[in-house]
Structure formats: structure tokens, C-alpha cells
N, C-alpha and C. Protein backbone atom coordinates (compact mmCIF):
# COMPACT_ATOMS: atom_id res chain seq x y z
N UNK A 1 -5.72 -26.66 -23.18
CA UNK A 1 -5.85 -26.00 -21.89
C UNK A 1 -4.80 -24.90 -21.80
N UNK A 2 -5.21 -23.74 -21.29
CA UNK A 2 -4.28 -22.66 -21.04
C UNK A 2 -3.46 -23.00 -19.80
N UNK A 3 -2.15 -22.75 -19.87
CA UNK A 3 -1.31 -23.02 -18.71
C UNK A 3 -0.14 -22.05 -18.69
N UNK A 4 0.43 -21.90 -17.49
CA UNK A 4 1.65 -21.12 -17.36
C UNK A 4 2.71 -22.00 -16.71
N UNK A 5 3.92 -21.84 -17.19
CA UNK A 5 5.08 -22.49 -16.59
C UNK A 5 6.02 -21.34 -16.25
N UNK A 6 6.22 -21.14 -14.97
CA UNK A 6 6.89 -19.92 -14.53
C UNK A 6 7.95 -20.22 -13.48
N UNK A 7 9.08 -19.53 -13.61
CA UNK A 7 10.11 -19.58 -12.57
C UNK A 7 10.30 -18.17 -12.03
N UNK A 8 10.52 -18.10 -10.70
CA UNK A 8 10.67 -16.81 -10.01
C UNK A 8 12.02 -16.74 -9.31
N UNK A 9 12.57 -15.53 -9.31
CA UNK A 9 13.87 -15.29 -8.70
C UNK A 9 13.86 -13.95 -7.98
N UNK A 10 14.64 -13.84 -6.94
CA UNK A 10 14.89 -12.54 -6.34
C UNK A 10 15.86 -11.79 -7.25
N UNK A 11 15.88 -10.47 -7.12
CA UNK A 11 16.77 -9.64 -7.92
C UNK A 11 17.81 -9.06 -6.97
N UNK A 12 19.09 -9.17 -7.33
CA UNK A 12 20.14 -8.78 -6.39
C UNK A 12 20.73 -7.40 -6.62
N UNK A 13 20.41 -6.75 -7.77
CA UNK A 13 20.86 -5.38 -7.99
C UNK A 13 19.95 -4.71 -9.02
N UNK A 14 20.20 -3.45 -9.32
CA UNK A 14 19.34 -2.68 -10.24
C UNK A 14 19.93 -2.55 -11.64
N UNK A 15 20.87 -3.40 -12.03
CA UNK A 15 21.51 -3.30 -13.34
C UNK A 15 20.53 -3.50 -14.49
N UNK A 16 19.40 -4.10 -14.26
CA UNK A 16 18.38 -4.34 -15.27
C UNK A 16 17.54 -3.11 -15.55
N UNK A 17 17.44 -2.20 -14.60
CA UNK A 17 16.43 -1.15 -14.62
C UNK A 17 16.57 -0.18 -15.80
N UNK A 18 17.78 0.12 -16.22
CA UNK A 18 17.98 1.03 -17.33
C UNK A 18 17.56 0.41 -18.67
N UNK A 19 17.37 -0.90 -18.69
CA UNK A 19 17.04 -1.62 -19.92
C UNK A 19 15.55 -1.81 -20.14
N UNK A 20 14.71 -1.38 -19.20
CA UNK A 20 13.28 -1.69 -19.28
C UNK A 20 12.45 -0.49 -18.86
N UNK A 21 11.21 -0.47 -19.34
CA UNK A 21 10.25 0.54 -18.89
C UNK A 21 9.17 -0.16 -18.08
N UNK A 22 8.60 0.58 -17.14
CA UNK A 22 7.64 -0.03 -16.23
C UNK A 22 6.21 0.43 -16.47
N UNK A 23 5.28 -0.37 -15.97
CA UNK A 23 3.85 -0.09 -16.04
C UNK A 23 3.27 -0.37 -14.66
N UNK A 24 2.48 0.58 -14.14
CA UNK A 24 1.89 0.42 -12.80
C UNK A 24 0.80 -0.64 -12.82
N UNK A 25 0.86 -1.53 -11.85
CA UNK A 25 -0.13 -2.60 -11.67
C UNK A 25 -0.75 -2.46 -10.29
N UNK A 26 -2.02 -2.80 -10.20
CA UNK A 26 -2.68 -2.98 -8.92
C UNK A 26 -3.47 -4.26 -9.06
N UNK A 27 -3.34 -5.15 -8.11
CA UNK A 27 -4.07 -6.41 -8.21
C UNK A 27 -4.51 -6.89 -6.85
N UNK A 28 -5.58 -7.66 -6.87
CA UNK A 28 -6.12 -8.22 -5.66
C UNK A 28 -6.63 -9.62 -5.93
N UNK A 29 -6.98 -10.30 -4.85
CA UNK A 29 -7.42 -11.68 -4.95
C UNK A 29 -8.76 -11.83 -4.26
N UNK A 30 -9.70 -12.45 -4.98
CA UNK A 30 -11.01 -12.74 -4.43
C UNK A 30 -10.85 -14.03 -3.62
N UNK A 31 -11.17 -14.00 -2.34
CA UNK A 31 -10.99 -15.20 -1.52
C UNK A 31 -11.76 -16.40 -2.08
N UNK A 32 -11.09 -17.56 -2.10
CA UNK A 32 -11.71 -18.80 -2.55
C UNK A 32 -11.63 -19.83 -1.43
N UNK A 33 -12.50 -20.83 -1.49
CA UNK A 33 -12.51 -21.85 -0.45
C UNK A 33 -11.60 -23.03 -0.80
N UNK A 34 -11.14 -23.12 -2.03
CA UNK A 34 -10.29 -24.22 -2.43
C UNK A 34 -8.84 -23.75 -2.46
N UNK A 35 -7.98 -24.38 -1.68
CA UNK A 35 -6.59 -23.96 -1.65
C UNK A 35 -5.91 -24.34 -2.96
N UNK A 36 -4.88 -23.57 -3.30
CA UNK A 36 -4.14 -23.82 -4.51
C UNK A 36 -4.75 -23.19 -5.74
N UNK A 37 -5.91 -22.60 -5.60
CA UNK A 37 -6.58 -21.94 -6.71
C UNK A 37 -6.71 -20.46 -6.37
N UNK A 38 -6.69 -19.61 -7.39
CA UNK A 38 -6.85 -18.19 -7.11
C UNK A 38 -7.66 -17.51 -8.20
N UNK A 39 -8.34 -16.46 -7.79
CA UNK A 39 -9.08 -15.58 -8.70
C UNK A 39 -8.47 -14.20 -8.50
N UNK A 40 -7.81 -13.71 -9.54
CA UNK A 40 -7.09 -12.45 -9.45
C UNK A 40 -7.78 -11.39 -10.31
N UNK A 41 -7.87 -10.19 -9.77
CA UNK A 41 -8.33 -9.02 -10.51
C UNK A 41 -7.13 -8.10 -10.60
N UNK A 42 -6.93 -7.53 -11.79
CA UNK A 42 -5.72 -6.71 -11.99
C UNK A 42 -6.02 -5.53 -12.88
N UNK A 43 -5.41 -4.41 -12.56
CA UNK A 43 -5.33 -3.31 -13.51
C UNK A 43 -3.86 -3.18 -13.90
N UNK A 44 -3.64 -2.95 -15.17
CA UNK A 44 -2.29 -2.74 -15.70
C UNK A 44 -2.39 -1.51 -16.59
N UNK A 45 -1.93 -0.39 -16.05
CA UNK A 45 -2.11 0.87 -16.77
C UNK A 45 -3.59 1.19 -16.87
N UNK A 46 -4.11 1.24 -18.09
CA UNK A 46 -5.53 1.59 -18.31
C UNK A 46 -6.36 0.38 -18.72
N UNK A 47 -5.88 -0.83 -18.42
CA UNK A 47 -6.61 -2.05 -18.80
C UNK A 47 -6.94 -2.86 -17.54
N UNK A 48 -8.03 -3.62 -17.62
CA UNK A 48 -8.44 -4.48 -16.52
C UNK A 48 -8.43 -5.94 -16.95
N UNK A 49 -8.14 -6.85 -15.99
CA UNK A 49 -8.07 -8.29 -16.28
C UNK A 49 -8.65 -9.09 -15.13
N UNK A 50 -9.23 -10.22 -15.47
CA UNK A 50 -9.68 -11.22 -14.51
C UNK A 50 -8.94 -12.51 -14.85
N UNK A 51 -8.28 -13.11 -13.86
CA UNK A 51 -7.47 -14.29 -14.09
C UNK A 51 -7.85 -15.37 -13.09
N UNK A 52 -8.03 -16.58 -13.58
CA UNK A 52 -8.29 -17.74 -12.74
C UNK A 52 -7.12 -18.69 -12.88
N UNK A 53 -6.56 -19.14 -11.74
CA UNK A 53 -5.41 -20.04 -11.76
C UNK A 53 -5.74 -21.30 -10.97
N UNK A 54 -5.26 -22.42 -11.50
CA UNK A 54 -5.47 -23.70 -10.84
C UNK A 54 -4.31 -24.05 -9.95
N UNK A 55 -4.37 -25.22 -9.31
CA UNK A 55 -3.28 -25.65 -8.42
C UNK A 55 -2.00 -25.93 -9.20
N UNK A 56 -0.88 -25.82 -8.51
CA UNK A 56 0.42 -26.07 -9.12
C UNK A 56 0.59 -27.58 -9.32
N UNK A 57 1.16 -27.94 -10.47
CA UNK A 57 1.42 -29.34 -10.80
C UNK A 57 2.66 -29.40 -11.67
N UNK A 58 2.93 -30.54 -12.24
CA UNK A 58 4.09 -30.71 -13.10
C UNK A 58 5.22 -31.39 -12.35
N UNK A 59 6.15 -31.93 -13.08
CA UNK A 59 7.23 -32.70 -12.47
C UNK A 59 8.12 -31.85 -11.57
N UNK A 60 8.23 -30.54 -11.87
CA UNK A 60 9.06 -29.66 -11.05
C UNK A 60 8.23 -28.66 -10.25
N UNK A 61 6.90 -28.81 -10.29
CA UNK A 61 6.03 -27.89 -9.55
C UNK A 61 6.04 -26.48 -10.09
N UNK A 62 6.15 -26.34 -11.41
CA UNK A 62 6.22 -25.02 -12.03
C UNK A 62 5.04 -24.72 -12.94
N UNK A 63 4.12 -25.68 -13.11
CA UNK A 63 3.04 -25.56 -14.09
C UNK A 63 1.69 -25.44 -13.39
N UNK A 64 0.84 -24.61 -13.94
CA UNK A 64 -0.54 -24.51 -13.45
C UNK A 64 -1.44 -24.01 -14.57
N UNK A 65 -2.73 -24.36 -14.50
CA UNK A 65 -3.65 -23.84 -15.49
C UNK A 65 -3.90 -22.36 -15.20
N UNK A 66 -4.10 -21.60 -16.28
CA UNK A 66 -4.32 -20.17 -16.14
C UNK A 66 -5.24 -19.70 -17.25
N UNK A 67 -6.27 -18.96 -16.87
CA UNK A 67 -7.22 -18.38 -17.81
C UNK A 67 -7.33 -16.90 -17.50
N UNK A 68 -6.97 -16.06 -18.47
CA UNK A 68 -6.99 -14.61 -18.24
C UNK A 68 -7.87 -13.94 -19.29
N UNK A 69 -8.69 -13.00 -18.81
CA UNK A 69 -9.64 -12.31 -19.68
C UNK A 69 -9.57 -10.82 -19.43
N UNK A 70 -9.54 -10.04 -20.51
CA UNK A 70 -9.60 -8.60 -20.35
C UNK A 70 -11.04 -8.22 -20.00
N UNK A 71 -11.19 -7.33 -19.03
CA UNK A 71 -12.50 -6.84 -18.61
C UNK A 71 -12.45 -5.31 -18.59
N UNK A 72 -13.60 -4.64 -18.58
CA UNK A 72 -13.57 -3.18 -18.52
C UNK A 72 -12.82 -2.67 -17.29
N UNK A 73 -12.04 -1.62 -17.47
CA UNK A 73 -11.24 -1.06 -16.38
C UNK A 73 -12.10 -0.71 -15.18
N UNK A 74 -13.25 -0.09 -15.41
CA UNK A 74 -14.15 0.28 -14.30
C UNK A 74 -14.60 -0.92 -13.50
N UNK A 75 -14.90 -2.04 -14.19
CA UNK A 75 -15.29 -3.27 -13.49
C UNK A 75 -14.13 -3.78 -12.63
N UNK A 76 -12.92 -3.76 -13.20
CA UNK A 76 -11.75 -4.23 -12.44
C UNK A 76 -11.53 -3.36 -11.21
N UNK A 77 -11.64 -2.06 -11.36
CA UNK A 77 -11.45 -1.16 -10.22
C UNK A 77 -12.50 -1.40 -9.14
N UNK A 78 -13.75 -1.61 -9.56
CA UNK A 78 -14.82 -1.87 -8.58
C UNK A 78 -14.59 -3.19 -7.86
N UNK A 79 -14.16 -4.22 -8.59
CA UNK A 79 -13.88 -5.52 -7.97
C UNK A 79 -12.73 -5.40 -6.98
N UNK A 80 -11.68 -4.64 -7.33
CA UNK A 80 -10.55 -4.44 -6.42
C UNK A 80 -11.02 -3.78 -5.13
N UNK A 81 -11.90 -2.80 -5.25
CA UNK A 81 -12.38 -2.06 -4.08
C UNK A 81 -13.34 -2.88 -3.22
N UNK A 82 -14.20 -3.70 -3.85
CA UNK A 82 -15.29 -4.31 -3.10
C UNK A 82 -15.18 -5.82 -2.88
N UNK A 83 -14.45 -6.54 -3.73
CA UNK A 83 -14.43 -8.01 -3.64
C UNK A 83 -13.10 -8.59 -3.19
N UNK A 84 -12.02 -7.86 -3.34
CA UNK A 84 -10.69 -8.42 -3.09
C UNK A 84 -10.23 -8.21 -1.66
N UNK A 85 -9.49 -9.20 -1.17
CA UNK A 85 -8.88 -9.11 0.17
C UNK A 85 -7.84 -7.98 0.15
N UNK A 86 -7.63 -7.39 1.29
CA UNK A 86 -6.67 -6.29 1.43
C UNK A 86 -5.47 -6.76 2.25
N UNK A 87 -4.28 -6.21 2.06
CA UNK A 87 -3.98 -5.09 1.18
C UNK A 87 -3.88 -5.55 -0.28
N UNK A 88 -4.13 -4.62 -1.18
CA UNK A 88 -3.96 -4.90 -2.59
C UNK A 88 -2.46 -4.94 -2.91
N UNK A 89 -2.13 -5.64 -3.96
CA UNK A 89 -0.75 -5.71 -4.42
C UNK A 89 -0.51 -4.52 -5.35
N UNK A 90 0.45 -3.68 -4.97
CA UNK A 90 0.85 -2.54 -5.80
C UNK A 90 2.27 -2.80 -6.26
N UNK A 91 2.49 -2.63 -7.57
CA UNK A 91 3.83 -2.88 -8.09
C UNK A 91 3.99 -2.20 -9.44
N UNK A 92 5.24 -2.03 -9.82
CA UNK A 92 5.56 -1.62 -11.18
C UNK A 92 6.18 -2.83 -11.84
N UNK A 93 5.65 -3.18 -13.00
CA UNK A 93 6.17 -4.34 -13.74
C UNK A 93 6.99 -3.83 -14.92
N UNK A 94 8.20 -4.36 -15.01
CA UNK A 94 9.10 -4.04 -16.10
C UNK A 94 9.24 -5.28 -16.96
N UNK A 95 9.17 -5.12 -18.28
CA UNK A 95 9.34 -6.25 -19.22
C UNK A 95 10.69 -6.10 -19.89
N UNK A 96 11.44 -7.19 -19.88
CA UNK A 96 12.79 -7.15 -20.42
C UNK A 96 13.07 -8.39 -21.25
N UNK A 97 13.04 -8.28 -22.60
CA UNK A 97 13.41 -9.42 -23.44
C UNK A 97 14.91 -9.65 -23.38
N UNK A 98 15.30 -10.90 -23.10
CA UNK A 98 16.71 -11.30 -23.09
C UNK A 98 16.83 -12.67 -23.71
N UNK A 99 17.55 -12.77 -24.79
CA UNK A 99 17.68 -14.06 -25.46
C UNK A 99 16.34 -14.53 -25.97
N UNK A 100 16.00 -15.78 -25.64
CA UNK A 100 14.75 -16.39 -26.12
C UNK A 100 13.58 -16.20 -25.17
N UNK A 101 13.76 -15.46 -24.06
CA UNK A 101 12.69 -15.32 -23.07
C UNK A 101 12.44 -13.84 -22.76
N UNK A 102 11.32 -13.60 -22.12
CA UNK A 102 10.98 -12.25 -21.66
C UNK A 102 10.88 -12.31 -20.14
N UNK A 103 11.62 -11.45 -19.47
CA UNK A 103 11.60 -11.36 -18.02
C UNK A 103 10.58 -10.31 -17.62
N UNK A 104 9.75 -10.63 -16.64
CA UNK A 104 8.87 -9.67 -15.97
C UNK A 104 9.48 -9.41 -14.61
N UNK A 105 9.85 -8.17 -14.35
CA UNK A 105 10.47 -7.81 -13.08
C UNK A 105 9.49 -6.93 -12.32
N UNK A 106 9.07 -7.41 -11.16
CA UNK A 106 8.08 -6.70 -10.34
C UNK A 106 8.76 -6.01 -9.17
N UNK A 107 8.64 -4.69 -9.14
CA UNK A 107 9.15 -3.89 -8.03
C UNK A 107 7.93 -3.49 -7.21
N UNK A 108 7.80 -4.08 -6.04
CA UNK A 108 6.60 -3.92 -5.22
C UNK A 108 6.62 -2.60 -4.46
N UNK A 109 5.42 -2.11 -4.17
CA UNK A 109 5.24 -0.88 -3.39
C UNK A 109 4.25 -1.18 -2.27
N UNK A 110 3.85 -0.15 -1.53
CA UNK A 110 2.87 -0.32 -0.46
C UNK A 110 3.36 -1.26 0.61
N UNK A 111 2.52 -2.20 1.03
CA UNK A 111 2.84 -3.15 2.09
C UNK A 111 3.98 -4.10 1.72
N UNK A 112 4.31 -4.19 0.43
CA UNK A 112 5.35 -5.11 -0.03
C UNK A 112 6.58 -4.37 -0.58
N UNK A 113 6.71 -3.09 -0.24
CA UNK A 113 7.84 -2.29 -0.70
C UNK A 113 9.15 -2.93 -0.27
N UNK A 114 10.13 -2.88 -1.15
CA UNK A 114 11.44 -3.47 -0.87
C UNK A 114 11.64 -4.81 -1.54
N UNK A 115 10.57 -5.44 -1.98
CA UNK A 115 10.65 -6.74 -2.63
C UNK A 115 10.71 -6.54 -4.14
N UNK A 116 11.68 -7.18 -4.79
CA UNK A 116 11.79 -7.17 -6.25
C UNK A 116 11.95 -8.61 -6.70
N UNK A 117 11.04 -9.06 -7.57
CA UNK A 117 11.02 -10.45 -8.03
C UNK A 117 11.01 -10.46 -9.55
N UNK A 118 11.83 -11.31 -10.15
CA UNK A 118 11.86 -11.49 -11.60
C UNK A 118 11.22 -12.83 -11.93
N UNK A 119 10.37 -12.83 -12.95
CA UNK A 119 9.69 -14.05 -13.39
C UNK A 119 9.98 -14.28 -14.86
N UNK A 120 10.07 -15.54 -15.23
CA UNK A 120 10.20 -15.89 -16.63
C UNK A 120 9.20 -17.01 -16.91
N UNK A 121 8.42 -16.85 -18.00
CA UNK A 121 7.49 -17.89 -18.41
C UNK A 121 8.17 -18.73 -19.47
N UNK A 122 8.04 -20.05 -19.31
CA UNK A 122 8.72 -21.00 -20.18
C UNK A 122 7.72 -21.83 -20.98
N UNK A 123 8.20 -22.47 -22.03
CA UNK A 123 7.36 -23.36 -22.84
C UNK A 123 7.25 -24.75 -22.23
N UNK A 124 8.29 -25.16 -21.49
CA UNK A 124 8.28 -26.44 -20.78
C UNK A 124 9.13 -26.26 -19.52
N UNK A 125 8.93 -27.12 -18.54
CA UNK A 125 9.58 -26.95 -17.25
C UNK A 125 11.10 -27.03 -17.32
N UNK A 126 11.63 -27.77 -18.29
CA UNK A 126 13.09 -27.91 -18.37
C UNK A 126 13.71 -27.06 -19.49
N UNK A 127 12.98 -26.05 -19.95
CA UNK A 127 13.51 -25.16 -20.99
C UNK A 127 14.75 -24.42 -20.47
N UNK A 128 15.86 -24.49 -21.19
CA UNK A 128 17.05 -23.76 -20.76
C UNK A 128 16.89 -22.26 -21.05
N UNK A 129 17.53 -21.43 -20.24
CA UNK A 129 17.53 -19.99 -20.47
C UNK A 129 18.79 -19.42 -19.83
N UNK A 130 19.21 -18.28 -20.34
CA UNK A 130 20.39 -17.62 -19.80
C UNK A 130 20.01 -16.84 -18.55
N UNK A 131 20.80 -17.00 -17.49
CA UNK A 131 20.57 -16.28 -16.24
C UNK A 131 21.30 -14.94 -16.27
N UNK A 132 20.55 -13.84 -16.27
CA UNK A 132 21.21 -12.53 -16.24
C UNK A 132 22.00 -12.35 -14.94
N UNK A 133 23.02 -11.50 -14.96
CA UNK A 133 23.89 -11.32 -13.79
C UNK A 133 23.16 -10.70 -12.60
N UNK A 134 22.05 -10.03 -12.83
CA UNK A 134 21.31 -9.39 -11.75
C UNK A 134 20.34 -10.35 -11.05
N UNK A 135 20.27 -11.58 -11.53
CA UNK A 135 19.36 -12.56 -10.96
C UNK A 135 19.94 -13.16 -9.69
N UNK A 136 19.11 -13.24 -8.65
CA UNK A 136 19.54 -13.81 -7.38
C UNK A 136 18.95 -15.20 -7.16
N UNK A 137 18.64 -15.48 -5.92
CA UNK A 137 18.13 -16.78 -5.48
C UNK A 137 16.81 -17.14 -6.17
N UNK A 138 16.67 -18.40 -6.57
CA UNK A 138 15.40 -18.86 -7.13
C UNK A 138 14.41 -19.09 -5.99
N UNK A 139 13.18 -18.60 -6.17
CA UNK A 139 12.13 -18.73 -5.16
C UNK A 139 10.86 -19.35 -5.76
N UNK A 140 11.01 -20.08 -6.87
CA UNK A 140 9.86 -20.66 -7.58
C UNK A 140 8.97 -21.50 -6.69
N UNK A 141 9.53 -22.33 -5.85
CA UNK A 141 8.72 -23.23 -5.02
C UNK A 141 8.39 -22.69 -3.65
N UNK A 142 8.61 -21.41 -3.42
CA UNK A 142 8.38 -20.83 -2.09
C UNK A 142 7.09 -20.03 -2.09
N UNK A 143 6.03 -20.57 -1.47
CA UNK A 143 4.71 -19.93 -1.53
C UNK A 143 4.66 -18.50 -0.99
N UNK A 144 5.55 -18.13 -0.05
CA UNK A 144 5.49 -16.78 0.50
C UNK A 144 5.74 -15.71 -0.56
N UNK A 145 6.35 -16.09 -1.71
CA UNK A 145 6.63 -15.14 -2.78
C UNK A 145 5.50 -15.05 -3.81
N UNK A 146 4.48 -15.90 -3.69
CA UNK A 146 3.33 -15.80 -4.59
C UNK A 146 2.59 -14.51 -4.26
N UNK A 147 2.12 -13.82 -5.27
CA UNK A 147 1.39 -12.58 -5.05
C UNK A 147 0.18 -12.80 -4.14
N UNK A 148 -0.51 -13.93 -4.32
CA UNK A 148 -1.68 -14.22 -3.48
C UNK A 148 -1.27 -14.35 -2.01
N UNK A 149 -0.06 -14.84 -1.74
CA UNK A 149 0.42 -14.95 -0.37
C UNK A 149 0.82 -13.60 0.20
N UNK A 150 1.31 -12.71 -0.66
CA UNK A 150 1.74 -11.38 -0.20
C UNK A 150 0.56 -10.54 0.29
N UNK A 151 -0.65 -10.90 -0.09
CA UNK A 151 -1.84 -10.23 0.45
C UNK A 151 -2.02 -10.63 1.91
N UNK A 152 -1.87 -11.92 2.20
CA UNK A 152 -2.09 -12.44 3.55
C UNK A 152 -0.94 -12.12 4.49
N UNK A 153 0.29 -12.12 3.97
CA UNK A 153 1.47 -11.90 4.80
C UNK A 153 2.44 -11.02 4.01
N UNK A 154 2.19 -9.70 4.02
CA UNK A 154 3.01 -8.77 3.22
C UNK A 154 4.47 -8.78 3.61
N UNK A 155 5.31 -8.45 2.67
CA UNK A 155 6.76 -8.42 2.84
C UNK A 155 7.17 -7.51 4.01
N UNK A 156 6.44 -6.44 4.23
CA UNK A 156 6.78 -5.51 5.33
C UNK A 156 6.65 -6.17 6.70
N UNK A 157 5.96 -7.30 6.78
CA UNK A 157 5.77 -7.99 8.06
C UNK A 157 6.76 -9.16 8.24
N UNK A 158 7.57 -9.43 7.24
CA UNK A 158 8.54 -10.53 7.33
C UNK A 158 9.64 -10.13 8.30
N UNK A 159 10.18 -11.09 9.04
CA UNK A 159 11.32 -10.77 9.91
C UNK A 159 12.53 -10.38 9.07
N UNK A 160 13.32 -9.45 9.58
CA UNK A 160 14.54 -9.06 8.86
C UNK A 160 15.61 -10.12 9.07
N UNK A 161 16.36 -10.41 7.99
CA UNK A 161 17.39 -11.48 8.09
C UNK A 161 18.52 -11.12 9.02
């Protein structure tokens, strides 16, 4: 079974930015009737993807099934326009290999501008990894930081601390 084990963190400064290059992403979610599951459509540069994710499970709540398929870019763009809930998620994703892991750092735009989240995919839930100095608070178990949640309640609508 395909699965992802992922931890998410806020980013507390831009010290990582000079070390990585970014790629523009646009993604949306097709509404489903079963909670905890999502159907995501994404464009990443000039490529399109369809991803199905299952509910979160695992001893630490970091694991879920994930199936991702490349689809024609035109199909992905049409699905984003006609099938996905709005607003769409707009972000630049930066990939940064550090040690034994690769960090994906998402700098959000549009309705979620101002939010920067770093993700790391692991082989097992208790895999050790080095925490870069720019890493802030862990938000792995906080649903409001899931991309699917940012469609329903964008960061621009969150109360200021």
C-alpha cells in the first residue's frame, strides 16, 4: 500500500530560502462526503497530478494512505477550474535536502499569503532527523494547517495573535 508519513512545522525565518529553488503550485480539493479523506488536483510547474489520500492513522497520527498519479496538465487545469472547491491553494514549493531527509517548504500566496510551512516525509513515524535552525513550532497534528483545511478556512481569515 502507498502511504505517506509526514511531519509539518512552521518556519520562523527565511534562512533556508537561499539554499533552495521554488516551483509554482496550484492545487484544489474535490469535495468528498467522507471526512478524513481527500481528492486533490494539483499543477506543479507544467505537470498535473491527481492524488487520493485516506484518513490519518498510526501510533503518532502521522501516517495515511496516499495514491498519486500524473495526469495531463490540461485535465488538471480543467478540474481545478470546474470541480474543486474555492479558493484554490496557491504556493511556491521549495525542496531542500538536509542530511537524510528532504524538506518541502511551502510559501503560500493568495488567500493563504503569509503562511510558510515546512514538511518532511519519513520512512517511519519515529525516524530521527536533524531540526534545521529555521524550523519553528510543530503543527503535524493541527488540522487547520492541512492544505484541504486552508481551502475552507484560509490563513487570511485567522485571527491575529
